[in-house]
Amino acid sequence: MEILPKELIAAMTAAGRRERGKRTRLRVQSGETSWPVLRRWRGGFALDANRIESLRGHVDLYEGGRHIATALIVASEVEGGELICTIKRETPVSDRAALDFVRPDGTPAGYLPPV
């Protein structure tokens, strides 16, 4: 089995990362700046470490132009060219009031279960 040169492996990894960034519609926005999300999992996501070195605090997640969630990043570290962001909470965003808050016809949104 032949071993590829380190430069070739690094170039292939960088090209794959760029391609994943182009294909994804998911992005993170903090203030006026946004970055494409390379990978996402429960409890975190990965960004391209060449674009950003660290990120903490409150951010917004968008899928294309649609605001889907807000998240609180509590830790971030660079691993293998990716900035791994660990989130404490992620809250989905809704475009309408909660059902039990406002109802146009005035009827109750639900009942408490019997005791």
C-alpha atoms as a PDB file:
ATOM      1  CA  MET A   1       0.000   0.000   0.000  1.00  0.00           C
ATOM      2  CA  GLU A   2       1.394   3.375  -0.982  1.00  0.00           C
ATOM      3  CA  ILE A   3       1.304   6.342   1.355  1.00  0.00           C
ATOM      4  CA  LEU A   4       0.327   9.686  -0.118  1.00  0.00           C
ATOM      5  CA  PRO A   5       2.488  12.754   0.528  1.00  0.00           C
ATOM      6  CA  LYS A   6       1.356  14.973   3.399  1.00  0.00           C
ATOM      7  CA  GLU A   7       0.921  17.949   1.055  1.00  0.00           C
ATOM      8  CA  LEU A   8      -1.503  16.007  -1.126  1.00  0.00           C
ATOM      9  CA  ILE A   9      -3.520  14.832   1.872  1.00  0.00           C
ATOM     10  CA  ALA A  10      -3.699  18.405   3.214  1.00  0.00           C
ATOM     11  CA  ALA A  11      -4.807  19.723  -0.194  1.00  0.00           C
ATOM     12  CA  MET A  12      -7.494  17.032  -0.510  1.00  0.00           C
ATOM     13  CA  THR A  13      -8.768  17.765   3.003  1.00  0.00           C
ATOM     14  CA  ALA A  14      -8.926  21.505   2.294  1.00  0.00           C
ATOM     15  CA  ALA A  15     -10.751  20.907  -1.002  1.00  0.00           C
ATOM     16  CA  GLY A  16     -13.288  18.655   0.721  1.00  0.00           C
ATOM     17  CA  ARG A  17     -13.867  21.282   3.419  1.00  0.00           C
ATOM     18  CA  ARG A  18     -14.402  23.993   0.803  1.00  0.00           C
ATOM     19  CA  GLU A  19     -16.826  21.792  -1.111  1.00  0.00           C
ATOM     20  CA  ARG A  20     -18.858  20.972   2.034  1.00  0.00           C
ATOM     21  CA  GLY A  21     -19.034  24.685   2.794  1.00  0.00           C
ATOM     22  CA  LYS A  22     -20.427  25.398  -0.677  1.00  0.00           C
ATOM     23  CA  ARG A  23     -23.070  22.682  -0.513  1.00  0.00           C
ATOM     24  CA  THR A  24     -24.483  23.556   2.875  1.00  0.00           C
ATOM     25  CA  ARG A  25     -27.272  26.054   3.266  1.00  0.00           C
ATOM     26  CA  LEU A  26     -26.862  26.049   7.042  1.00  0.00           C
ATOM     27  CA  ARG A  27     -24.970  29.019   8.473  1.00  0.00           C
ATOM     28  CA  VAL A  28     -24.235  30.626  11.821  1.00  0.00           C
ATOM     29  CA  GLN A  29     -24.604  34.372  12.285  1.00  0.00           C
ATOM     30  CA  SER A  30     -23.193  36.491  15.089  1.00  0.00           C
ATOM     31  CA  GLY A  31     -23.909  40.185  14.699  1.00  0.00           C
ATOM     32  CA  GLU A  32     -23.404  41.101  11.038  1.00  0.00           C
ATOM     33  CA  THR A  33     -20.965  38.256  10.293  1.00  0.00           C
ATOM     34  CA  SER A  34     -21.941  34.740   9.195  1.00  0.00           C
ATOM     35  CA  TRP A  35     -20.059  31.488   8.548  1.00  0.00           C
ATOM     36  CA  PRO A  36     -21.165  28.276   6.798  1.00  0.00           C
ATOM     37  CA  VAL A  37     -21.646  25.239   9.038  1.00  0.00           C
ATOM     38  CA  LEU A  38     -19.579  22.249   7.888  1.00  0.00           C
ATOM     39  CA  ARG A  39     -21.173  19.665  10.189  1.00  0.00           C
ATOM     40  CA  ARG A  40     -23.909  19.738  12.806  1.00  0.00           C
ATOM     41  CA  TRP A  41     -24.808  17.283  15.558  1.00  0.00           C
ATOM     42  CA  ARG A  42     -26.766  17.322  18.777  1.00  0.00           C
ATOM     43  CA  GLY A  43     -24.862  19.577  21.144  1.00  0.00           C
ATOM     44  CA  GLY A  44     -22.686  21.366  18.595  1.00  0.00           C
ATOM     45  CA  PHE A  45     -21.488  22.118  15.110  1.00  0.00           C
ATOM     46  CA  ALA A  46     -18.247  22.640  13.168  1.00  0.00           C
ATOM     47  CA  LEU A  47     -17.071  25.716  11.260  1.00  0.00           C
ATOM     48  CA  ASP A  48     -14.040  26.224   8.997  1.00  0.00           C
ATOM     49  CA  ALA A  49     -11.107  27.183  11.267  1.00  0.00           C
ATOM     50  CA  ASN A  50      -9.492  29.122   8.401  1.00  0.00           C
ATOM     51  CA  ARG A  51     -12.390  31.589   8.505  1.00  0.00           C
ATOM     52  CA  ILE A  52     -12.742  31.964  12.285  1.00  0.00           C
ATOM     53  CA  GLU A  53     -10.454  31.083  15.203  1.00  0.00           C
ATOM     54  CA  SER A  54     -12.890  31.193  18.138  1.00  0.00           C
ATOM     55  CA  LEU A  55     -16.562  31.843  18.772  1.00  0.00           C
ATOM     56  CA  ARG A  56     -18.556  32.052  21.998  1.00  0.00           C
ATOM     57  CA  GLY A  57     -21.875  33.467  23.089  1.00  0.00           C
ATOM     58  CA  HIS A  58     -25.290  33.836  21.515  1.00  0.00           C
ATOM     59  CA  VAL A  59     -25.583  33.041  17.776  1.00  0.00           C
ATOM     60  CA  ASP A  60     -28.380  32.540  15.266  1.00  0.00           C
ATOM     61  CA  LEU A  61     -28.692  29.525  12.951  1.00  0.00           C
ATOM     62  CA  TYR A  62     -30.093  30.018   9.449  1.00  0.00           C
ATOM     63  CA  GLU A  63     -30.994  27.541   6.730  1.00  0.00           C
ATOM     64  CA  GLY A  64     -30.781  29.622   3.601  1.00  0.00           C
ATOM     65  CA  GLY A  65     -32.718  32.771   4.478  1.00  0.00           C
ATOM     66  CA  ARG A  66     -34.915  31.119   7.117  1.00  0.00           C
ATOM     67  CA  HIS A  67     -34.059  31.700  10.782  1.00  0.00           C
ATOM     68  CA  ILE A  68     -34.347  28.241  12.382  1.00  0.00           C
ATOM     69  CA  ALA A  69     -32.792  28.503  15.870  1.00  0.00           C
ATOM     70  CA  THR A  70     -30.780  30.458  18.387  1.00  0.00           C
ATOM     71  CA  ALA A  71     -27.901  28.838  20.246  1.00  0.00           C
ATOM     72  CA  LEU A  72     -25.565  29.583  23.128  1.00  0.00           C
ATOM     73  CA  ILE A  73     -21.966  28.509  22.432  1.00  0.00           C
ATOM     74  CA  VAL A  74     -20.097  27.768  25.658  1.00  0.00           C
ATOM     75  CA  ALA A  75     -16.839  26.410  24.241  1.00  0.00           C
ATOM     76  CA  SER A  76     -14.954  26.270  20.955  1.00  0.00           C
ATOM     77  CA  GLU A  77     -11.679  24.663  19.961  1.00  0.00           C
ATOM     78  CA  VAL A  78      -9.793  23.968  16.735  1.00  0.00           C
ATOM     79  CA  GLU A  79      -9.432  20.297  15.743  1.00  0.00           C
ATOM     80  CA  GLY A  80      -8.214  19.165  12.339  1.00  0.00           C
ATOM     81  CA  GLY A  81      -8.879  22.467  10.601  1.00  0.00           C
ATOM     82  CA  GLU A  82     -12.382  22.772  12.040  1.00  0.00           C
ATOM     83  CA  LEU A  83     -13.637  25.005  14.826  1.00  0.00           C
ATOM     84  CA  ILE A  84     -15.691  22.681  17.016  1.00  0.00           C
ATOM     85  CA  CYS A  85     -18.391  24.673  18.836  1.00  0.00           C
ATOM     86  CA  THR A  86     -20.108  23.136  21.858  1.00  0.00           C
ATOM     87  CA  ILE A  87     -23.526  24.556  22.615  1.00  0.00           C
ATOM     88  CA  LYS A  88     -25.330  24.695  25.940  1.00  0.00           C
ATOM     89  CA  ARG A  89     -28.776  25.231  24.491  1.00  0.00           C
ATOM     90  CA  GLU A  90     -30.469  25.486  21.121  1.00  0.00           C
ATOM     91  CA  THR A  91     -33.942  27.015  20.883  1.00  0.00           C
ATOM     92  CA  PRO A  92     -36.047  26.625  17.728  1.00  0.00           C
ATOM     93  CA  VAL A  93     -37.469  29.862  16.338  1.00  0.00           C
ATOM     94  CA  SER A  94     -41.144  30.127  15.442  1.00  0.00           C
ATOM     95  CA  ASP A  95     -42.807  32.736  13.266  1.00  0.00           C
ATOM     96  CA  ARG A  96     -46.003  32.773  15.352  1.00  0.00           C
ATOM     97  CA  ALA A  97     -46.987  32.980  19.007  1.00  0.00           C
ATOM     98  CA  ALA A  98     -47.196  29.822  21.077  1.00  0.00           C
ATOM     99  CA  LEU A  99     -50.586  28.129  20.804  1.00  0.00           C
ATOM    100  CA  ASP A 100     -51.409  28.552  24.475  1.00  0.00           C
ATOM    101  CA  PHE A 101     -50.563  32.281  24.375  1.00  0.00           C
ATOM    102  CA  VAL A 102     -52.948  33.664  21.759  1.00  0.00           C
ATOM    103  CA  ARG A 103     -55.841  32.011  20.001  1.00  0.00           C
ATOM    104  CA  PRO A 104     -58.042  34.043  17.631  1.00  0.00           C
ATOM    105  CA  ASP A 105     -61.389  32.474  18.567  1.00  0.00           C
ATOM    106  CA  GLY A 106     -60.811  32.716  22.346  1.00  0.00           C
ATOM    107  CA  THR A 107     -61.159  28.969  22.983  1.00  0.00           C
ATOM    108  CA  PRO A 108     -58.623  27.274  25.228  1.00  0.00           C
ATOM    109  CA  ALA A 109     -55.591  25.803  23.492  1.00  0.00           C
ATOM    110  CA  GLY A 110     -55.670  22.706  25.665  1.00  0.00           C
ATOM    111  CA  TYR A 111     -56.878  21.251  28.934  1.00  0.00           C
ATOM    112  CA  LEU A 112     -55.004  20.063  31.981  1.00  0.00           C
ATOM    113  CA  PRO A 113     -55.061  16.268  32.334  1.00  0.00           C
ATOM    114  CA  PRO A 114     -57.432  14.808  34.922  1.00  0.00           C
ATOM    115  CA  VAL A 115     -55.914  14.089  38.337  1.00  0.00           C
END
